[in-house]
Amino acid sequence: MKIKLFVTALTLFASLSINAQNLKMGYTNIEFILQNLPESKDIQSKITTEKAQYDKLYQDKLAEAQKLYEDYQKNQASMSAVIKADKEKSLTNKQNELQELQQNAEAALSRKQQELIAPIMDKIQTAIDAVAKENGYTYVLNSDAGYGTTPVILVAPESDNITNLVFKKMGVTPPAEVKEEPKK
């Protein structure tokens, strides 16, 4: 029984060892690629334009609210209690409208950015898949995946950085031959 268990364990260890020798791991920095694609500048321009429109609308509404407040401040002493309460209610409603506008604008901008980035992220993933297949990589990790916390890749040889290959696969010249180090 012990011999059979030993042979099974040895066979399992040997197969794991053989499989480990066939594994090839690479890494790239998706955020870096995204930021350096020409399409990203277009996206940023569209988002900036849309944000400017929301900012203008907000400033116009804010000016209206400030005018109402100044009018209220100037005339409150001569207002009856009913008119004063009505004006205060109007001011509170304007303040709520401003907050709602700001929240809706932020949500809309976020949705728009995600909508614009999604096809580019698909292109990046397609290029990563192609580079991995062409170069025999079993796994490709994202070196910026742990941004803000501990990165996914702590140590890796530069020869396994496929970022430039991904740029080239996408038909984009890599910016100044990337020598990306994993974040520490």
C-alpha atoms as a PDB file:
ATOM      1  CA  MET A   1       0.000   0.000   0.000  1.00  0.00           C
ATOM      2  CA  LYS A   2       2.831   2.398   0.890  1.00  0.00           C
ATOM      3  CA  ILE A   3       4.603   1.575  -2.380  1.00  0.00           C
ATOM      4  CA  LYS A   4       1.433   2.235  -4.393  1.00  0.00           C
ATOM      5  CA  LEU A   5       0.937   5.596  -2.603  1.00  0.00           C
ATOM      6  CA  PHE A   6       4.610   6.465  -3.180  1.00  0.00           C
ATOM      7  CA  VAL A   7       4.378   5.621  -6.913  1.00  0.00           C
ATOM      8  CA  THR A   8       1.172   7.682  -7.249  1.00  0.00           C
ATOM      9  CA  ALA A   9       2.781  10.648  -5.466  1.00  0.00           C
ATOM     10  CA  LEU A  10       5.923  10.327  -7.616  1.00  0.00           C
ATOM     11  CA  THR A  11       3.836  10.189 -10.809  1.00  0.00           C
ATOM     12  CA  LEU A  12       1.823  13.229  -9.706  1.00  0.00           C
ATOM     13  CA  PHE A  13       4.993  15.163  -8.819  1.00  0.00           C
ATOM     14  CA  ALA A  14       6.591  14.252 -12.145  1.00  0.00           C
ATOM     15  CA  SER A  15       3.540  15.407 -14.108  1.00  0.00           C
ATOM     16  CA  LEU A  16       3.417  18.683 -12.168  1.00  0.00           C
ATOM     17  CA  SER A  17       7.111  19.196 -12.811  1.00  0.00           C
ATOM     18  CA  ILE A  18       6.669  18.581 -16.543  1.00  0.00           C
ATOM     19  CA  ASN A  19       3.652  20.911 -16.688  1.00  0.00           C
ATOM     20  CA  ALA A  20       5.543  23.616 -14.787  1.00  0.00           C
ATOM     21  CA  GLN A  21       8.318  23.473 -17.374  1.00  0.00           C
ATOM     22  CA  ASN A  22       5.749  24.167 -20.114  1.00  0.00           C
ATOM     23  CA  LEU A  23       4.387  27.262 -18.352  1.00  0.00           C
ATOM     24  CA  LYS A  24       5.538  30.585 -19.683  1.00  0.00           C
ATOM     25  CA  MET A  25       4.459  33.750 -17.913  1.00  0.00           C
ATOM     26  CA  GLY A  26       4.560  37.299 -19.209  1.00  0.00           C
ATOM     27  CA  TYR A  27       3.285  40.631 -18.029  1.00  0.00           C
ATOM     28  CA  THR A  28       2.173  43.963 -19.370  1.00  0.00           C
ATOM     29  CA  ASN A  29       0.776  47.239 -18.078  1.00  0.00           C
ATOM     30  CA  ILE A  30      -2.712  47.730 -19.484  1.00  0.00           C
ATOM     31  CA  GLU A  31      -3.109  51.218 -18.002  1.00  0.00           C
ATOM     32  CA  PHE A  32       0.155  52.330 -19.633  1.00  0.00           C
ATOM     33  CA  ILE A  33      -0.960  50.929 -22.986  1.00  0.00           C
ATOM     34  CA  LEU A  34      -4.351  52.589 -22.692  1.00  0.00           C
ATOM     35  CA  GLN A  35      -2.840  55.968 -21.831  1.00  0.00           C
ATOM     36  CA  ASN A  36      -0.458  55.836 -24.782  1.00  0.00           C
ATOM     37  CA  LEU A  37      -2.885  54.861 -27.542  1.00  0.00           C
ATOM     38  CA  PRO A  38      -3.941  57.593 -29.970  1.00  0.00           C
ATOM     39  CA  GLU A  39      -7.603  56.739 -29.293  1.00  0.00           C
ATOM     40  CA  SER A  40      -7.115  57.715 -25.652  1.00  0.00           C
ATOM     41  CA  LYS A  41      -6.478  61.319 -26.615  1.00  0.00           C
ATOM     42  CA  ASP A  42      -9.773  61.341 -28.538  1.00  0.00           C
ATOM     43  CA  ILE A  43     -11.596  59.883 -25.546  1.00  0.00           C
ATOM     44  CA  GLN A  44     -10.045  62.448 -23.217  1.00  0.00           C
ATOM     45  CA  SER A  45     -11.036  65.233 -25.599  1.00  0.00           C
ATOM     46  CA  LYS A  46     -14.649  64.002 -25.768  1.00  0.00           C
ATOM     47  CA  ILE A  47     -14.851  63.667 -21.985  1.00  0.00           C
ATOM     48  CA  THR A  48     -13.318  67.125 -21.493  1.00  0.00           C
ATOM     49  CA  THR A  49     -15.840  68.651 -23.925  1.00  0.00           C
ATOM     50  CA  GLU A  50     -18.776  66.960 -22.243  1.00  0.00           C
ATOM     51  CA  LYS A  51     -17.471  67.959 -18.795  1.00  0.00           C
ATOM     52  CA  ALA A  52     -17.199  71.582 -19.957  1.00  0.00           C
ATOM     53  CA  GLN A  53     -20.859  71.465 -21.020  1.00  0.00           C
ATOM     54  CA  TYR A  54     -21.912  70.141 -17.617  1.00  0.00           C
ATOM     55  CA  ASP A  55     -19.718  72.735 -15.886  1.00  0.00           C
ATOM     56  CA  LYS A  56     -21.352  75.534 -17.902  1.00  0.00           C
ATOM     57  CA  LEU A  57     -24.830  74.281 -17.041  1.00  0.00           C
ATOM     58  CA  TYR A  58     -23.842  74.024 -13.372  1.00  0.00           C
ATOM     59  CA  GLN A  59     -22.380  77.545 -13.355  1.00  0.00           C
ATOM     60  CA  ASP A  60     -25.553  78.926 -14.972  1.00  0.00           C
ATOM     61  CA  LYS A  61     -27.742  77.212 -12.370  1.00  0.00           C
ATOM     62  CA  LEU A  62     -25.415  78.371  -9.596  1.00  0.00           C
ATOM     63  CA  ALA A  63     -25.659  81.976 -10.817  1.00  0.00           C
ATOM     64  CA  GLU A  64     -29.468  81.687 -10.721  1.00  0.00           C
ATOM     65  CA  ALA A  65     -29.335  80.337  -7.189  1.00  0.00           C
ATOM     66  CA  GLN A  66     -26.950  83.080  -6.080  1.00  0.00           C
ATOM     67  CA  LYS A  67     -29.206  85.727  -7.570  1.00  0.00           C
ATOM     68  CA  LEU A  68     -32.206  84.279  -5.704  1.00  0.00           C
ATOM     69  CA  TYR A  69     -30.176  84.181  -2.482  1.00  0.00           C
ATOM     70  CA  GLU A  70     -28.984  87.785  -2.881  1.00  0.00           C
ATOM     71  CA  ASP A  71     -32.548  88.885  -3.558  1.00  0.00           C
ATOM     72  CA  TYR A  72     -33.704  86.982  -0.484  1.00  0.00           C
ATOM     73  CA  GLN A  73     -30.957  88.527   1.686  1.00  0.00           C
ATOM     74  CA  LYS A  74     -31.710  92.011   0.440  1.00  0.00           C
ATOM     75  CA  ASN A  75     -35.487  91.838   0.890  1.00  0.00           C
ATOM     76  CA  GLN A  76     -36.030  89.390   3.743  1.00  0.00           C
ATOM     77  CA  ALA A  77     -36.640  92.098   6.323  1.00  0.00           C
ATOM     78  CA  SER A  78     -39.662  93.369   4.395  1.00  0.00           C
ATOM     79  CA  MET A  79     -41.098  89.932   3.512  1.00  0.00           C
ATOM     80  CA  SER A  80     -44.129  88.463   5.172  1.00  0.00           C
ATOM     81  CA  ALA A  81     -43.638  85.126   6.912  1.00  0.00           C
ATOM     82  CA  VAL A  82     -45.401  83.221   4.100  1.00  0.00           C
ATOM     83  CA  ILE A  83     -43.303  84.813   1.336  1.00  0.00           C
ATOM     84  CA  LYS A  84     -40.137  84.370   3.379  1.00  0.00           C
ATOM     85  CA  ALA A  85     -40.916  80.660   3.894  1.00  0.00           C
ATOM     86  CA  ASP A  86     -41.673  80.281   0.165  1.00  0.00           C
ATOM     87  CA  LYS A  87     -38.377  81.940  -0.804  1.00  0.00           C
ATOM     88  CA  GLU A  88     -36.472  79.743   1.656  1.00  0.00           C
ATOM     89  CA  LYS A  89     -38.141  76.678   0.181  1.00  0.00           C
ATOM     90  CA  SER A  90     -37.160  77.847  -3.315  1.00  0.00           C
ATOM     91  CA  LEU A  91     -33.557  78.321  -2.193  1.00  0.00           C
ATOM     92  CA  THR A  92     -33.492  74.842  -0.652  1.00  0.00           C
ATOM     93  CA  ASN A  93     -34.923  73.387  -3.883  1.00  0.00           C
ATOM     94  CA  LYS A  94     -32.268  75.204  -5.945  1.00  0.00           C
ATOM     95  CA  GLN A  95     -29.533  73.838  -3.696  1.00  0.00           C
ATOM     96  CA  ASN A  96     -30.937  70.316  -4.090  1.00  0.00           C
ATOM     97  CA  GLU A  97     -31.131  70.785  -7.875  1.00  0.00           C
ATOM     98  CA  LEU A  98     -27.483  71.832  -7.934  1.00  0.00           C
ATOM     99  CA  GLN A  99     -26.429  68.772  -5.937  1.00  0.00           C
ATOM    100  CA  GLU A 100     -28.513  66.487  -8.139  1.00  0.00           C
ATOM    101  CA  LEU A 101     -27.106  68.061 -11.303  1.00  0.00           C
ATOM    102  CA  GLN A 102     -23.562  67.575 -10.044  1.00  0.00           C
ATOM    103  CA  GLN A 103     -24.187  63.918  -9.122  1.00  0.00           C
ATOM    104  CA  ASN A 104     -25.939  63.184 -12.415  1.00  0.00           C
ATOM    105  CA  ALA A 105     -23.158  64.864 -14.392  1.00  0.00           C
ATOM    106  CA  GLU A 106     -20.473  62.828 -12.616  1.00  0.00           C
ATOM    107  CA  ALA A 107     -22.402  59.601 -13.221  1.00  0.00           C
ATOM    108  CA  ALA A 108     -23.004  60.474 -16.881  1.00  0.00           C
ATOM    109  CA  LEU A 109     -19.337  61.306 -17.423  1.00  0.00           C
ATOM    110  CA  SER A 110     -18.287  58.048 -15.812  1.00  0.00           C
ATOM    111  CA  ARG A 111     -20.720  56.063 -17.986  1.00  0.00           C
ATOM    112  CA  LYS A 112     -19.546  57.907 -21.104  1.00  0.00           C
ATOM    113  CA  GLN A 113     -15.904  57.200 -20.301  1.00  0.00           C
ATOM    114  CA  GLN A 114     -16.633  53.503 -19.745  1.00  0.00           C
ATOM    115  CA  GLU A 115     -18.641  53.395 -22.976  1.00  0.00           C
ATOM    116  CA  LEU A 116     -15.778  54.968 -24.939  1.00  0.00           C
ATOM    117  CA  ILE A 117     -13.039  52.875 -23.305  1.00  0.00           C
ATOM    118  CA  ALA A 118     -14.780  49.484 -23.643  1.00  0.00           C
ATOM    119  CA  PRO A 119     -13.975  48.950 -27.355  1.00  0.00           C
ATOM    120  CA  ILE A 120     -10.358  49.989 -26.795  1.00  0.00           C
ATOM    121  CA  MET A 121     -10.049  47.598 -23.860  1.00  0.00           C
ATOM    122  CA  ASP A 122     -11.402  44.859 -26.128  1.00  0.00           C
ATOM    123  CA  LYS A 123      -8.724  45.730 -28.725  1.00  0.00           C
ATOM    124  CA  ILE A 124      -6.025  45.637 -26.051  1.00  0.00           C
ATOM    125  CA  GLN A 125      -7.243  42.255 -24.804  1.00  0.00           C
ATOM    126  CA  THR A 126      -7.339  40.894 -28.359  1.00  0.00           C
ATOM    127  CA  ALA A 127      -3.756  42.074 -28.913  1.00  0.00           C
ATOM    128  CA  ILE A 128      -2.613  40.567 -25.600  1.00  0.00           C
ATOM    129  CA  ASP A 129      -4.270  37.261 -26.507  1.00  0.00           C
ATOM    130  CA  ALA A 130      -2.568  37.260 -29.916  1.00  0.00           C
ATOM    131  CA  VAL A 131       0.866  38.132 -28.485  1.00  0.00           C
ATOM    132  CA  ALA A 132       0.501  35.446 -25.812  1.00  0.00           C
ATOM    133  CA  LYS A 133      -0.434  32.830 -28.389  1.00  0.00           C
ATOM    134  CA  GLU A 134       2.291  33.822 -30.865  1.00  0.00           C
ATOM    135  CA  ASN A 135       4.979  33.835 -28.174  1.00  0.00           C
ATOM    136  CA  GLY A 136       3.875  30.784 -26.216  1.00  0.00           C
ATOM    137  CA  TYR A 137       2.808  32.559 -23.022  1.00  0.00           C
ATOM    138  CA  THR A 138       0.518  30.446 -20.858  1.00  0.00           C
ATOM    139  CA  TYR A 139      -0.253  33.340 -18.494  1.00  0.00           C
ATOM    140  CA  VAL A 140      -0.031  37.104 -18.904  1.00  0.00           C
ATOM    141  CA  LEU A 141      -0.370  39.245 -15.790  1.00  0.00           C
ATOM    142  CA  ASN A 142      -1.212  42.926 -15.519  1.00  0.00           C
ATOM    143  CA  SER A 143       1.620  44.722 -13.733  1.00  0.00           C
ATOM    144  CA  ASP A 144      -0.595  47.626 -12.651  1.00  0.00           C
ATOM    145  CA  ALA A 145      -3.461  45.475 -11.362  1.00  0.00           C
ATOM    146  CA  GLY A 146      -2.564  46.158  -7.751  1.00  0.00           C
ATOM    147  CA  TYR A 147      -2.248  49.923  -8.124  1.00  0.00           C
ATOM    148  CA  GLY A 148      -2.857  51.543  -4.772  1.00  0.00           C
ATOM    149  CA  THR A 149      -2.088  48.322  -2.966  1.00  0.00           C
ATOM    150  CA  THR A 150       0.499  45.617  -3.419  1.00  0.00           C
ATOM    151  CA  PRO A 151       1.090  45.010  -7.127  1.00  0.00           C
ATOM    152  CA  VAL A 152       0.426  41.604  -8.620  1.00  0.00           C
ATOM    153  CA  ILE A 153       3.978  41.362  -9.969  1.00  0.00           C
ATOM    154  CA  LEU A 154       6.727  42.003  -7.472  1.00  0.00           C
ATOM    155  CA  VAL A 155       9.696  40.678  -9.436  1.00  0.00           C
ATOM    156  CA  ALA A 156       9.855  39.764 -13.113  1.00  0.00           C
ATOM    157  CA  PRO A 157      12.516  39.690 -15.814  1.00  0.00           C
ATOM    158  CA  GLU A 158      12.247  42.436 -18.425  1.00  0.00           C
ATOM    159  CA  SER A 159      12.314  39.743 -21.115  1.00  0.00           C
ATOM    160  CA  ASP A 160       8.791  38.709 -20.029  1.00  0.00           C
ATOM    161  CA  ASN A 161       7.377  42.245 -20.407  1.00  0.00           C
ATOM    162  CA  ILE A 162       5.172  42.015 -23.500  1.00  0.00           C
ATOM    163  CA  THR A 163       3.982  45.651 -23.449  1.00  0.00           C
ATOM    164  CA  ASN A 164       5.963  46.651 -26.561  1.00  0.00           C
ATOM    165  CA  LEU A 165       4.755  43.539 -28.395  1.00  0.00           C
ATOM    166  CA  VAL A 166       1.154  44.491 -27.569  1.00  0.00           C
ATOM    167  CA  PHE A 167       1.705  48.030 -28.889  1.00  0.00           C
ATOM    168  CA  LYS A 168       3.201  46.617 -32.098  1.00  0.00           C
ATOM    169  CA  LYS A 169       0.359  44.082 -32.471  1.00  0.00           C
ATOM    170  CA  MET A 170      -2.076  47.005 -32.277  1.00  0.00           C
ATOM    171  CA  GLY A 171      -0.126  48.890 -34.960  1.00  0.00           C
ATOM    172  CA  VAL A 172       1.116  51.526 -32.531  1.00  0.00           C
ATOM    173  CA  THR A 173       4.747  52.517 -32.093  1.00  0.00           C
ATOM    174  CA  PRO A 174       5.681  51.936 -28.455  1.00  0.00           C
ATOM    175  CA  PRO A 175       6.505  55.192 -26.682  1.00  0.00           C
ATOM    176  CA  ALA A 176      10.296  55.442 -26.251  1.00  0.00           C
ATOM    177  CA  GLU A 177      10.908  51.682 -26.009  1.00  0.00           C
ATOM    178  CA  VAL A 178       9.181  50.878 -22.771  1.00  0.00           C
ATOM    179  CA  LYS A 179      11.377  49.511 -20.029  1.00  0.00           C
ATOM    180  CA  GLU A 180       8.490  49.128 -17.612  1.00  0.00           C
ATOM    181  CA  GLU A 181       9.376  47.956 -14.148  1.00  0.00           C
ATOM    182  CA  PRO A 182       6.691  46.335 -12.060  1.00  0.00           C
ATOM    183  CA  LYS A 183       5.333  48.783  -9.474  1.00  0.00           C
ATOM    184  CA  LYS A 184       6.791  48.405  -6.033  1.00  0.00           C
END
